[in-house]
Structure formats: structure tokens, C-alpha cells
Amino acid sequence: MSTQTARPAKALTPPDIIARKGGDPLVCLTAYTTPVAKLVDGHCDLILVGDSVGMVVHGLDNTLGVTMEMMILHGQAVRRGLRHALMVVDLPFGAYEAGPDQAFANAVRLVKETGCDAIKIEGGVHMAETIRFLTERSIPVVAHIGLTPQSIRRFGGYKVQGRGDAADHVLADAVAVSEAGAFAVVVESVPESLGTRITEAIAVPTIGIGASATCDGQILVVDDMLGMFTDFTPKFVKRYGELAGHAQEAIARYAEEVRTRTFPGPDHVYGEGPAKAGKT
């Protein structure tokens, strides 16, 4: 018996996303839990269950330690909260690099166990064969180029990609993955002019994160844009809230009321009530 939540007819599909090329910008955010999925669903076109969950939720230093089991667990949670937005789940580091067969096996597992609409793979020209293999076998793929966090050891950290002569290499990545069948391409941390070039060069939507306002859509990590963290904010993040500060204030008030025994008060405790009738 399937445990997946039924979705209404208005739920978005990969063809709906492709049709937005050059049209109204795509609104995209990450989500890792059911409550957050419910909050963002009515506002977004695409929700990514990103391997950033390793850093945001589990406190890892990077995304390299994220496992298939973690992606499945959080994918299942997000699926329960979505009715409208298209849901994409990251294939984590080590789950697809060995070749198309490995990628297909793990992508099928993600689709079956989470009910996701598509998977996301990092990499450009060298991943085109794998993307083609998946899409030819009915696995919709979102590609991810530019700064690919699973490659930070090769890049030497989280560094802007595509400056100077390297721009042509990133552009070639975009063309390769789009021609291989990806229905959208995440473009991360590249110069603004390169983000525009890529958007103009490929036939599928670009989703920018630290790229350009001319991209066909934008994505941010939801915890970043809500201000859930106070220690680090990437340049490309705009804070639309300061929830960490509000949460700290609320927790401090709670702690003070517990210590002074003003919580729980009369409104938060139970009275005796009527006695229950015994069985006859």
C-alpha cells in the first residue's frame, strides 16, 4: 500500500516549469520538514529538499556527509506538506558519481520512497551522460552548475565560479546539461553577467542563487532568508526576517517564567472537573 499523500490536479509538473522559460519568474525555496513545507507551498513553484539539510538541520560542516537515508527521511517529511509546488530532492555526494547505473538506482529509490517529482544532480559537462541516461528512463532532472557544494574540496572552498576565462567553461556546463535533458538548471555563485549569458543561451529555465536577477527564477535556503542563523550569511542572501532573534527572546521569556514559577499559570493547568461515572 502506498504511503504517499494524494496531490490535487493543480500540482506543478516539470513541463509546467519548462513552460515558464522567459516568463513569470519561478519562486523556489528549500524545505526539510513538514511544517515548513506547508508554509512555503502556497508561495512557491518549486521546493528543493537540498543536501544543505546536513548543515542547516544536522550541524555538519558541509554537505559531504549527507546520506541517502537523510535525504529520504526529509523528503518524506516535505512530501506530506506539499500540495502545489513541484518537489525536487538532491542526490547526495557519492550517490551518482560512479556512473549512470548508480545514479539511476539511487534516483529510483528517491522517487519511490519520497514521492518526489524530480531529482537534482551537481555537475556540468562530465554529468551530461548521466543526466541523459536518467531522463531517457523517465527520471526528471534538475542540474546544478557553477559553485557546486559537493565539489568544495576541488574548488578550495565556497568560491565564486566562472570569473575571467573560466566563464566559458561554466557556460559549456550549462549547455551540456540542458541539451542532455535537464528541465531546469540551478546556477550558483557566478558573476551576474555570466548568469545572464547562461539564461540567454539555454532553452530551459535557470534558477539563480548568487547569479543574476535575469535568471528565470531564484532559490534561497529558507533558514537563511528567514534569519534563523546569526553567525554566517552568504553575500547572495537577503534576510526577509530575523526569526533567530525573535526565537531567542521568546525562549528567554519562557525560561524566566519557569524559574519564577509564573508559568504555568491558571490558564495553562487543568482543574479537577466533574468526576467520571463508573462502569455499571
C-alpha atoms as a PDB file:
ATOM      1  CA  MET A   1       0.000   0.000   0.000  1.00  0.00           C
ATOM      2  CA  SER A   2       1.352   3.441  -0.913  1.00  0.00           C
ATOM      3  CA  THR A   3       2.061   5.866   1.938  1.00  0.00           C
ATOM      4  CA  GLN A   4       2.377   8.905  -0.334  1.00  0.00           C
ATOM      5  CA  THR A   5      -0.031  11.798   0.193  1.00  0.00           C
ATOM      6  CA  ALA A   6      -2.530  12.359  -2.645  1.00  0.00           C
ATOM      7  CA  ARG A   7      -1.951  15.561  -4.611  1.00  0.00           C
ATOM      8  CA  PRO A   8      -4.578  17.715  -6.328  1.00  0.00           C
ATOM      9  CA  ALA A   9      -4.659  18.274 -10.087  1.00  0.00           C
ATOM     10  CA  LYS A  10      -3.149  21.754  -9.743  1.00  0.00           C
ATOM     11  CA  ALA A  11       0.211  20.379  -8.545  1.00  0.00           C
ATOM     12  CA  LEU A  12       3.014  21.636 -10.788  1.00  0.00           C
ATOM     13  CA  THR A  13       4.978  19.303 -13.073  1.00  0.00           C
ATOM     14  CA  PRO A  14       8.327  19.526 -14.908  1.00  0.00           C
ATOM     15  CA  PRO A  15       6.581  20.608 -18.152  1.00  0.00           C
ATOM     16  CA  ASP A  16       4.930  23.445 -16.195  1.00  0.00           C
ATOM     17  CA  ILE A  17       8.373  24.578 -15.041  1.00  0.00           C
ATOM     18  CA  ILE A  18       9.820  24.421 -18.568  1.00  0.00           C
ATOM     19  CA  ALA A  19       6.892  26.497 -19.846  1.00  0.00           C
ATOM     20  CA  ARG A  20       7.942  29.338 -17.547  1.00  0.00           C
ATOM     21  CA  LYS A  21      11.159  29.938 -19.527  1.00  0.00           C
ATOM     22  CA  GLY A  22      11.303  33.657 -20.221  1.00  0.00           C
ATOM     23  CA  GLY A  23       8.006  34.225 -18.421  1.00  0.00           C
ATOM     24  CA  ASP A  24       6.993  34.930 -14.831  1.00  0.00           C
ATOM     25  CA  PRO A  25       9.983  34.205 -12.564  1.00  0.00           C
ATOM     26  CA  LEU A  26       9.984  30.898 -10.724  1.00  0.00           C
ATOM     27  CA  VAL A  27       9.865  31.222  -6.933  1.00  0.00           C
ATOM     28  CA  CYS A  28      11.902  28.487  -5.257  1.00  0.00           C
ATOM     29  CA  LEU A  29      12.946  27.717  -1.678  1.00  0.00           C
ATOM     30  CA  THR A  30      14.359  24.796   0.276  1.00  0.00           C
ATOM     31  CA  ALA A  31      12.372  22.863   2.863  1.00  0.00           C
ATOM     32  CA  TYR A  32      13.344  19.990   5.123  1.00  0.00           C
ATOM     33  CA  THR A  33      10.292  19.473   7.374  1.00  0.00           C
ATOM     34  CA  THR A  34       6.518  19.128   7.054  1.00  0.00           C
ATOM     35  CA  PRO A  35       5.649  22.394   8.869  1.00  0.00           C
ATOM     36  CA  VAL A  36       7.987  24.472   6.710  1.00  0.00           C
ATOM     37  CA  ALA A  37       6.747  22.728   3.555  1.00  0.00           C
ATOM     38  CA  LYS A  38       3.204  23.758   4.450  1.00  0.00           C
ATOM     39  CA  LEU A  39       4.310  27.368   4.993  1.00  0.00           C
ATOM     40  CA  VAL A  40       6.122  27.756   1.675  1.00  0.00           C
ATOM     41  CA  ASP A  41       3.881  25.639  -0.559  1.00  0.00           C
ATOM     42  CA  GLY A  42       1.328  28.348  -1.320  1.00  0.00           C
ATOM     43  CA  HIS A  43       4.018  30.835  -2.343  1.00  0.00           C
ATOM     44  CA  CYS A  44       6.486  28.728  -4.313  1.00  0.00           C
ATOM     45  CA  ASP A  45       6.642  26.963  -7.656  1.00  0.00           C
ATOM     46  CA  LEU A  46       9.491  24.605  -6.765  1.00  0.00           C
ATOM     47  CA  ILE A  47      10.651  23.258  -3.400  1.00  0.00           C
ATOM     48  CA  LEU A  48      14.094  21.713  -3.070  1.00  0.00           C
ATOM     49  CA  VAL A  49      14.877  19.193  -0.372  1.00  0.00           C
ATOM     50  CA  GLY A  50      18.542  20.075  -0.598  1.00  0.00           C
ATOM     51  CA  ASP A  51      21.531  18.265   0.835  1.00  0.00           C
ATOM     52  CA  SER A  52      22.067  21.579   2.609  1.00  0.00           C
ATOM     53  CA  VAL A  53      19.904  19.832   5.224  1.00  0.00           C
ATOM     54  CA  GLY A  54      23.158  18.381   6.530  1.00  0.00           C
ATOM     55  CA  MET A  55      24.409  21.828   7.507  1.00  0.00           C
ATOM     56  CA  VAL A  56      21.091  23.539   8.288  1.00  0.00           C
ATOM     57  CA  VAL A  57      19.416  20.818  10.350  1.00  0.00           C
ATOM     58  CA  HIS A  58      22.167  18.390  11.363  1.00  0.00           C
ATOM     59  CA  GLY A  59      25.022  20.823  12.043  1.00  0.00           C
ATOM     60  CA  LEU A  60      27.524  19.330   9.586  1.00  0.00           C
ATOM     61  CA  ASP A  61      30.402  21.469   8.318  1.00  0.00           C
ATOM     62  CA  ASN A  62      29.477  20.788   4.679  1.00  0.00           C
ATOM     63  CA  THR A  63      27.185  18.615   2.564  1.00  0.00           C
ATOM     64  CA  LEU A  64      29.645  15.758   2.007  1.00  0.00           C
ATOM     65  CA  GLY A  65      28.440  13.707   4.970  1.00  0.00           C
ATOM     66  CA  VAL A  66      24.791  13.661   3.896  1.00  0.00           C
ATOM     67  CA  THR A  67      23.409  10.169   3.195  1.00  0.00           C
ATOM     68  CA  MET A  68      20.614   8.725   1.088  1.00  0.00           C
ATOM     69  CA  GLU A  69      18.784   7.856   4.288  1.00  0.00           C
ATOM     70  CA  MET A  70      18.845  11.502   5.394  1.00  0.00           C
ATOM     71  CA  MET A  71      17.524  12.685   2.026  1.00  0.00           C
ATOM     72  CA  ILE A  72      14.749  10.094   2.074  1.00  0.00           C
ATOM     73  CA  LEU A  73      13.701  10.945   5.633  1.00  0.00           C
ATOM     74  CA  HIS A  74      13.475  14.675   4.941  1.00  0.00           C
ATOM     75  CA  GLY A  75      11.964  14.105   1.505  1.00  0.00           C
ATOM     76  CA  GLN A  76       9.140  12.099   3.057  1.00  0.00           C
ATOM     77  CA  ALA A  77       8.546  14.857   5.595  1.00  0.00           C
ATOM     78  CA  VAL A  78       8.359  17.582   2.942  1.00  0.00           C
ATOM     79  CA  ARG A  79       6.113  15.492   0.687  1.00  0.00           C
ATOM     80  CA  ARG A  80       3.494  15.420   3.457  1.00  0.00           C
ATOM     81  CA  GLY A  81       3.367  19.221   3.485  1.00  0.00           C
ATOM     82  CA  LEU A  82       3.118  19.977  -0.256  1.00  0.00           C
ATOM     83  CA  ARG A  83       0.044  20.244  -2.458  1.00  0.00           C
ATOM     84  CA  HIS A  84       1.074  22.719  -5.163  1.00  0.00           C
ATOM     85  CA  ALA A  85       4.834  23.194  -5.558  1.00  0.00           C
ATOM     86  CA  LEU A  86       6.982  20.792  -7.547  1.00  0.00           C
ATOM     87  CA  MET A  87       9.260  18.826  -5.227  1.00  0.00           C
ATOM     88  CA  VAL A  88      12.919  18.158  -6.073  1.00  0.00           C
ATOM     89  CA  VAL A  89      15.295  16.089  -3.925  1.00  0.00           C
ATOM     90  CA  ASP A  90      19.097  16.196  -4.093  1.00  0.00           C
ATOM     91  CA  LEU A  91      21.097  13.094  -4.824  1.00  0.00           C
ATOM     92  CA  PRO A  92      23.787  13.309  -2.121  1.00  0.00           C
ATOM     93  CA  PHE A  93      27.534  13.098  -2.601  1.00  0.00           C
ATOM     94  CA  GLY A  94      28.605   9.569  -3.518  1.00  0.00           C
ATOM     95  CA  ALA A  95      25.169   8.523  -4.783  1.00  0.00           C
ATOM     96  CA  TYR A  96      25.696   9.137  -8.518  1.00  0.00           C
ATOM     97  CA  GLU A  97      29.317   9.929  -9.406  1.00  0.00           C
ATOM     98  CA  ALA A  98      30.254   6.305 -10.177  1.00  0.00           C
ATOM     99  CA  GLY A  99      28.145   6.365 -13.312  1.00  0.00           C
ATOM    100  CA  PRO A 100      24.644   6.291 -14.809  1.00  0.00           C
ATOM    101  CA  ASP A 101      23.690   2.906 -13.337  1.00  0.00           C
ATOM    102  CA  GLN A 102      24.463   4.017  -9.778  1.00  0.00           C
ATOM    103  CA  ALA A 103      22.648   7.298 -10.352  1.00  0.00           C
ATOM    104  CA  PHE A 104      19.585   5.545 -11.767  1.00  0.00           C
ATOM    105  CA  ALA A 105      19.349   3.087  -8.866  1.00  0.00           C
ATOM    106  CA  ASN A 106      19.523   5.846  -6.258  1.00  0.00           C
ATOM    107  CA  ALA A 107      17.229   8.187  -8.197  1.00  0.00           C
ATOM    108  CA  VAL A 108      14.589   5.452  -8.457  1.00  0.00           C
ATOM    109  CA  ARG A 109      14.886   4.898  -4.718  1.00  0.00           C
ATOM    110  CA  LEU A 110      14.353   8.609  -4.013  1.00  0.00           C
ATOM    111  CA  VAL A 111      11.314   8.788  -6.292  1.00  0.00           C
ATOM    112  CA  LYS A 112       9.718   5.634  -4.873  1.00  0.00           C
ATOM    113  CA  GLU A 113      10.385   6.364  -1.210  1.00  0.00           C
ATOM    114  CA  THR A 114       9.705  10.111  -1.138  1.00  0.00           C
ATOM    115  CA  GLY A 115       7.221  10.675  -3.956  1.00  0.00           C
ATOM    116  CA  CYS A 116       9.399  13.492  -5.314  1.00  0.00           C
ATOM    117  CA  ASP A 117       8.758  14.919  -8.785  1.00  0.00           C
ATOM    118  CA  ALA A 118      12.429  15.175  -9.770  1.00  0.00           C
ATOM    119  CA  ILE A 119      15.979  14.790  -8.528  1.00  0.00           C
ATOM    120  CA  LYS A 120      18.884  17.233  -8.626  1.00  0.00           C
ATOM    121  CA  ILE A 121      22.457  16.437  -9.636  1.00  0.00           C
ATOM    122  CA  GLU A 122      25.533  18.648  -9.328  1.00  0.00           C
ATOM    123  CA  GLY A 123      27.959  18.897 -12.223  1.00  0.00           C
ATOM    124  CA  GLY A 124      28.228  20.058 -15.808  1.00  0.00           C
ATOM    125  CA  VAL A 125      29.783  18.508 -18.918  1.00  0.00           C
ATOM    126  CA  HIS A 126      31.031  15.440 -17.051  1.00  0.00           C
ATOM    127  CA  MET A 127      27.497  14.705 -15.780  1.00  0.00           C
ATOM    128  CA  ALA A 128      25.711  15.123 -19.112  1.00  0.00           C
ATOM    129  CA  GLU A 129      25.827  11.400 -19.901  1.00  0.00           C
ATOM    130  CA  THR A 130      24.279  10.560 -16.530  1.00  0.00           C
ATOM    131  CA  ILE A 131      21.561  13.187 -16.912  1.00  0.00           C
ATOM    132  CA  ARG A 132      20.688  11.848 -20.368  1.00  0.00           C
ATOM    133  CA  PHE A 133      20.581   8.287 -19.013  1.00  0.00           C
ATOM    134  CA  LEU A 134      18.157   9.309 -16.266  1.00  0.00           C
ATOM    135  CA  THR A 135      15.860  11.471 -18.360  1.00  0.00           C
ATOM    136  CA  GLU A 136      15.610   8.791 -21.052  1.00  0.00           C
ATOM    137  CA  ARG A 137      14.345   6.492 -18.289  1.00  0.00           C
ATOM    138  CA  SER A 138      11.646   8.878 -17.034  1.00  0.00           C
ATOM    139  CA  ILE A 139      13.572  10.435 -14.144  1.00  0.00           C
ATOM    140  CA  PRO A 140      13.169  14.239 -14.402  1.00  0.00           C
ATOM    141  CA  VAL A 141      16.427  16.023 -13.536  1.00  0.00           C
ATOM    142  CA  VAL A 142      17.346  19.498 -12.326  1.00  0.00           C
ATOM    143  CA  ALA A 143      21.020  20.205 -12.977  1.00  0.00           C
ATOM    144  CA  HIS A 144      23.277  22.333 -10.752  1.00  0.00           C
ATOM    145  CA  ILE A 145      26.319  24.198 -12.097  1.00  0.00           C
ATOM    146  CA  GLY A 146      28.681  26.987 -11.058  1.00  0.00           C
ATOM    147  CA  LEU A 147      29.577  26.595  -7.410  1.00  0.00           C
ATOM    148  CA  THR A 148      28.603  23.012  -6.647  1.00  0.00           C
ATOM    149  CA  PRO A 149      28.926  22.495  -2.864  1.00  0.00           C
ATOM    150  CA  GLN A 150      29.748  18.797  -3.186  1.00  0.00           C
ATOM    151  CA  SER A 151      32.944  19.872  -5.004  1.00  0.00           C
ATOM    152  CA  ILE A 152      34.240  22.326  -2.390  1.00  0.00           C
ATOM    153  CA  ARG A 153      37.409  20.318  -1.817  1.00  0.00           C
ATOM    154  CA  ARG A 154      38.269  20.585  -5.506  1.00  0.00           C
ATOM    155  CA  PHE A 155      37.382  24.296  -5.541  1.00  0.00           C
ATOM    156  CA  GLY A 156      39.265  25.008  -2.316  1.00  0.00           C
ATOM    157  CA  GLY A 157      36.150  26.262  -0.521  1.00  0.00           C
ATOM    158  CA  TYR A 158      32.961  28.158  -1.314  1.00  0.00           C
ATOM    159  CA  LYS A 159      34.317  30.394  -4.073  1.00  0.00           C
ATOM    160  CA  VAL A 160      32.633  32.263  -6.912  1.00  0.00           C
ATOM    161  CA  GLN A 161      32.975  30.317 -10.156  1.00  0.00           C
ATOM    162  CA  GLY A 162      33.165  31.494 -13.763  1.00  0.00           C
ATOM    163  CA  ARG A 163      35.266  34.627 -13.484  1.00  0.00           C
ATOM    164  CA  GLY A 164      37.502  35.606 -16.408  1.00  0.00           C
ATOM    165  CA  ASP A 165      38.435  32.782 -18.751  1.00  0.00           C
ATOM    166  CA  ALA A 166      36.513  30.281 -16.596  1.00  0.00           C
ATOM    167  CA  ALA A 167      33.204  31.796 -17.750  1.00  0.00           C
ATOM    168  CA  ASP A 168      33.233  29.803 -20.983  1.00  0.00           C
ATOM    169  CA  HIS A 169      33.672  26.557 -19.044  1.00  0.00           C
ATOM    170  CA  VAL A 170      30.634  27.248 -16.854  1.00  0.00           C
ATOM    171  CA  LEU A 171      28.611  28.255 -19.918  1.00  0.00           C
ATOM    172  CA  ALA A 172      29.615  24.979 -21.579  1.00  0.00           C
ATOM    173  CA  ASP A 173      28.401  23.129 -18.482  1.00  0.00           C
ATOM    174  CA  ALA A 174      25.007  24.840 -18.748  1.00  0.00           C
ATOM    175  CA  VAL A 175      24.630  23.997 -22.430  1.00  0.00           C
ATOM    176  CA  ALA A 176      25.692  20.372 -21.880  1.00  0.00           C
ATOM    177  CA  VAL A 177      23.244  19.631 -19.049  1.00  0.00           C
ATOM    178  CA  SER A 178      20.328  21.369 -20.757  1.00  0.00           C
ATOM    179  CA  GLU A 179      20.942  19.505 -24.017  1.00  0.00           C
ATOM    180  CA  ALA A 180      21.220  16.260 -22.028  1.00  0.00           C
ATOM    181  CA  GLY A 181      17.624  16.692 -20.845  1.00  0.00           C
ATOM    182  CA  ALA A 182      17.655  18.633 -17.558  1.00  0.00           C
ATOM    183  CA  PHE A 183      14.382  20.583 -17.357  1.00  0.00           C
ATOM    184  CA  ALA A 184      15.911  23.353 -15.212  1.00  0.00           C
ATOM    185  CA  VAL A 185      19.410  24.421 -14.195  1.00  0.00           C
ATOM    186  CA  VAL A 186      20.438  25.866 -10.832  1.00  0.00           C
ATOM    187  CA  VAL A 187      23.212  28.418 -11.382  1.00  0.00           C
ATOM    188  CA  GLU A 188      25.099  29.159  -8.159  1.00  0.00           C
ATOM    189  CA  SER A 189      27.642  31.855  -7.269  1.00  0.00           C
ATOM    190  CA  VAL A 190      28.705  33.133 -10.666  1.00  0.00           C
ATOM    191  CA  PRO A 191      29.230  36.727 -11.863  1.00  0.00           C
ATOM    192  CA  GLU A 192      25.992  38.499 -12.760  1.00  0.00           C
ATOM    193  CA  SER A 193      26.973  38.870 -16.419  1.00  0.00           C
ATOM    194  CA  LEU A 194      27.594  35.123 -16.696  1.00  0.00           C
ATOM    195  CA  GLY A 195      24.219  34.337 -15.133  1.00  0.00           C
ATOM    196  CA  THR A 196      22.614  36.442 -17.855  1.00  0.00           C
ATOM    197  CA  ARG A 197      24.651  34.759 -20.614  1.00  0.00           C
ATOM    198  CA  ILE A 198      23.651  31.306 -19.413  1.00  0.00           C
ATOM    199  CA  THR A 199      19.976  32.248 -19.187  1.00  0.00           C
ATOM    200  CA  GLU A 200      20.041  33.550 -22.754  1.00  0.00           C
ATOM    201  CA  ALA A 201      21.980  30.550 -24.073  1.00  0.00           C
ATOM    202  CA  ILE A 202      19.857  27.611 -22.908  1.00  0.00           C
ATOM    203  CA  ALA A 203      16.271  26.641 -23.673  1.00  0.00           C
ATOM    204  CA  VAL A 204      15.276  25.589 -20.139  1.00  0.00           C
ATOM    205  CA  PRO A 205      14.770  27.795 -17.064  1.00  0.00           C
ATOM    206  CA  THR A 206      17.720  28.912 -14.989  1.00  0.00           C
ATOM    207  CA  ILE A 207      17.276  29.164 -11.229  1.00  0.00           C
ATOM    208  CA  GLY A 208      19.744  31.584  -9.724  1.00  0.00           C
ATOM    209  CA  ILE A 209      21.359  31.581  -6.309  1.00  0.00           C
ATOM    210  CA  GLY A 210      24.019  34.239  -6.234  1.00  0.00           C
ATOM    211  CA  ALA A 211      23.759  34.596 -10.009  1.00  0.00           C
ATOM    212  CA  SER A 212      21.566  37.222 -11.713  1.00  0.00           C
ATOM    213  CA  ALA A 213      18.105  38.760 -11.464  1.00  0.00           C
ATOM    214  CA  THR A 214      17.746  37.915 -15.148  1.00  0.00           C
ATOM    215  CA  CYS A 215      17.615  34.199 -14.332  1.00  0.00           C
ATOM    216  CA  ASP A 216      14.234  32.560 -14.905  1.00  0.00           C
ATOM    217  CA  GLY A 217      13.834  32.016 -11.164  1.00  0.00           C
ATOM    218  CA  GLN A 218      15.537  32.352  -7.796  1.00  0.00           C
ATOM    219  CA  ILE A 219      16.169  29.987  -4.902  1.00  0.00           C
ATOM    220  CA  LEU A 220      17.403  30.511  -1.336  1.00  0.00           C
ATOM    221  CA  VAL A 221      17.812  28.288   1.703  1.00  0.00           C
ATOM    222  CA  VAL A 222      14.680  29.042   3.693  1.00  0.00           C
ATOM    223  CA  ASP A 223      16.507  29.248   7.027  1.00  0.00           C
ATOM    224  CA  ASP A 224      18.897  31.827   5.566  1.00  0.00           C
ATOM    225  CA  MET A 225      16.199  34.141   4.205  1.00  0.00           C
ATOM    226  CA  LEU A 226      14.187  33.861   7.432  1.00  0.00           C
ATOM    227  CA  GLY A 227      17.202  34.865   9.525  1.00  0.00           C
ATOM    228  CA  MET A 228      17.381  31.656  11.527  1.00  0.00           C
ATOM    229  CA  PHE A 229      21.192  31.945  11.688  1.00  0.00           C
ATOM    230  CA  THR A 230      23.206  34.824  13.112  1.00  0.00           C
ATOM    231  CA  ASP A 231      26.775  33.584  12.621  1.00  0.00           C
ATOM    232  CA  PHE A 232      27.083  33.455   8.820  1.00  0.00           C
ATOM    233  CA  THR A 233      25.142  34.878   5.877  1.00  0.00           C
ATOM    234  CA  PRO A 234      26.349  34.454   2.265  1.00  0.00           C
ATOM    235  CA  LYS A 235      26.548  37.626   0.155  1.00  0.00           C
ATOM    236  CA  PHE A 236      23.680  36.499  -2.068  1.00  0.00           C
ATOM    237  CA  VAL A 237      21.229  36.035   0.824  1.00  0.00           C
ATOM    238  CA  LYS A 238      18.704  38.742   1.638  1.00  0.00           C
ATOM    239  CA  ARG A 239      17.149  38.340   5.076  1.00  0.00           C
ATOM    240  CA  TYR A 240      13.389  38.716   4.908  1.00  0.00           C
ATOM    241  CA  GLY A 241      13.024  38.030   8.627  1.00  0.00           C
ATOM    242  CA  GLU A 242      15.027  37.845  11.844  1.00  0.00           C
ATOM    243  CA  LEU A 243      13.481  34.748  13.385  1.00  0.00           C
ATOM    244  CA  ALA A 244      16.575  33.801  15.366  1.00  0.00           C
ATOM    245  CA  GLY A 245      16.313  36.986  17.417  1.00  0.00           C
ATOM    246  CA  HIS A 246      12.573  36.565  17.979  1.00  0.00           C
ATOM    247  CA  ALA A 247      13.081  32.935  18.987  1.00  0.00           C
ATOM    248  CA  GLN A 248      15.823  33.826  21.463  1.00  0.00           C
ATOM    249  CA  GLU A 249      13.608  36.476  23.058  1.00  0.00           C
ATOM    250  CA  ALA A 250      10.710  34.026  23.376  1.00  0.00           C
ATOM    251  CA  ILE A 251      12.909  31.297  24.843  1.00  0.00           C
ATOM    252  CA  ALA A 252      14.399  33.760  27.341  1.00  0.00           C
ATOM    253  CA  ARG A 253      10.908  34.827  28.494  1.00  0.00           C
ATOM    254  CA  TYR A 254       9.869  31.194  28.881  1.00  0.00           C
ATOM    255  CA  ALA A 255      12.991  30.366  30.901  1.00  0.00           C
ATOM    256  CA  GLU A 256      12.389  33.355  33.207  1.00  0.00           C
ATOM    257  CA  GLU A 257       8.744  32.425  33.820  1.00  0.00           C
ATOM    258  CA  VAL A 258       9.640  28.819  34.613  1.00  0.00           C
ATOM    259  CA  ARG A 259      12.310  29.928  37.082  1.00  0.00           C
ATOM    260  CA  THR A 260       9.945  32.388  38.772  1.00  0.00           C
ATOM    261  CA  ARG A 261       7.067  29.860  38.757  1.00  0.00           C
ATOM    262  CA  THR A 262       4.806  32.232  36.811  1.00  0.00           C
ATOM    263  CA  PHE A 263       4.420  29.558  34.135  1.00  0.00           C
ATOM    264  CA  PRO A 264       2.288  27.543  34.052  1.00  0.00           C
ATOM    265  CA  GLY A 265      -0.386  29.954  35.227  1.00  0.00           C
ATOM    266  CA  PRO A 266      -4.122  29.435  35.806  1.00  0.00           C
ATOM    267  CA  ASP A 267      -4.845  29.366  32.060  1.00  0.00           C
ATOM    268  CA  HIS A 268      -2.364  26.555  31.443  1.00  0.00           C
ATOM    269  CA  VAL A 269      -3.279  23.997  34.125  1.00  0.00           C
ATOM    270  CA  TYR A 270      -6.228  21.623  34.491  1.00  0.00           C
ATOM    271  CA  GLY A 271      -8.870  21.778  37.221  1.00  0.00           C
ATOM    272  CA  GLU A 272     -10.434  18.791  38.941  1.00  0.00           C
ATOM    273  CA  GLY A 273     -13.556  18.815  36.721  1.00  0.00           C
ATOM    274  CA  PRO A 274     -16.561  16.533  37.215  1.00  0.00           C
ATOM    275  CA  ALA A 275     -15.910  13.033  38.471  1.00  0.00           C
ATOM    276  CA  LYS A 276     -16.243  10.339  35.818  1.00  0.00           C
ATOM    277  CA  ALA A 277     -19.100   7.908  36.242  1.00  0.00           C
ATOM    278  CA  GLY A 278     -18.014   4.373  36.993  1.00  0.00           C
ATOM    279  CA  LYS A 279     -18.957   1.359  34.938  1.00  0.00           C
ATOM    280  CA  THR A 280     -22.129  -0.430  35.874  1.00  0.00           C
END
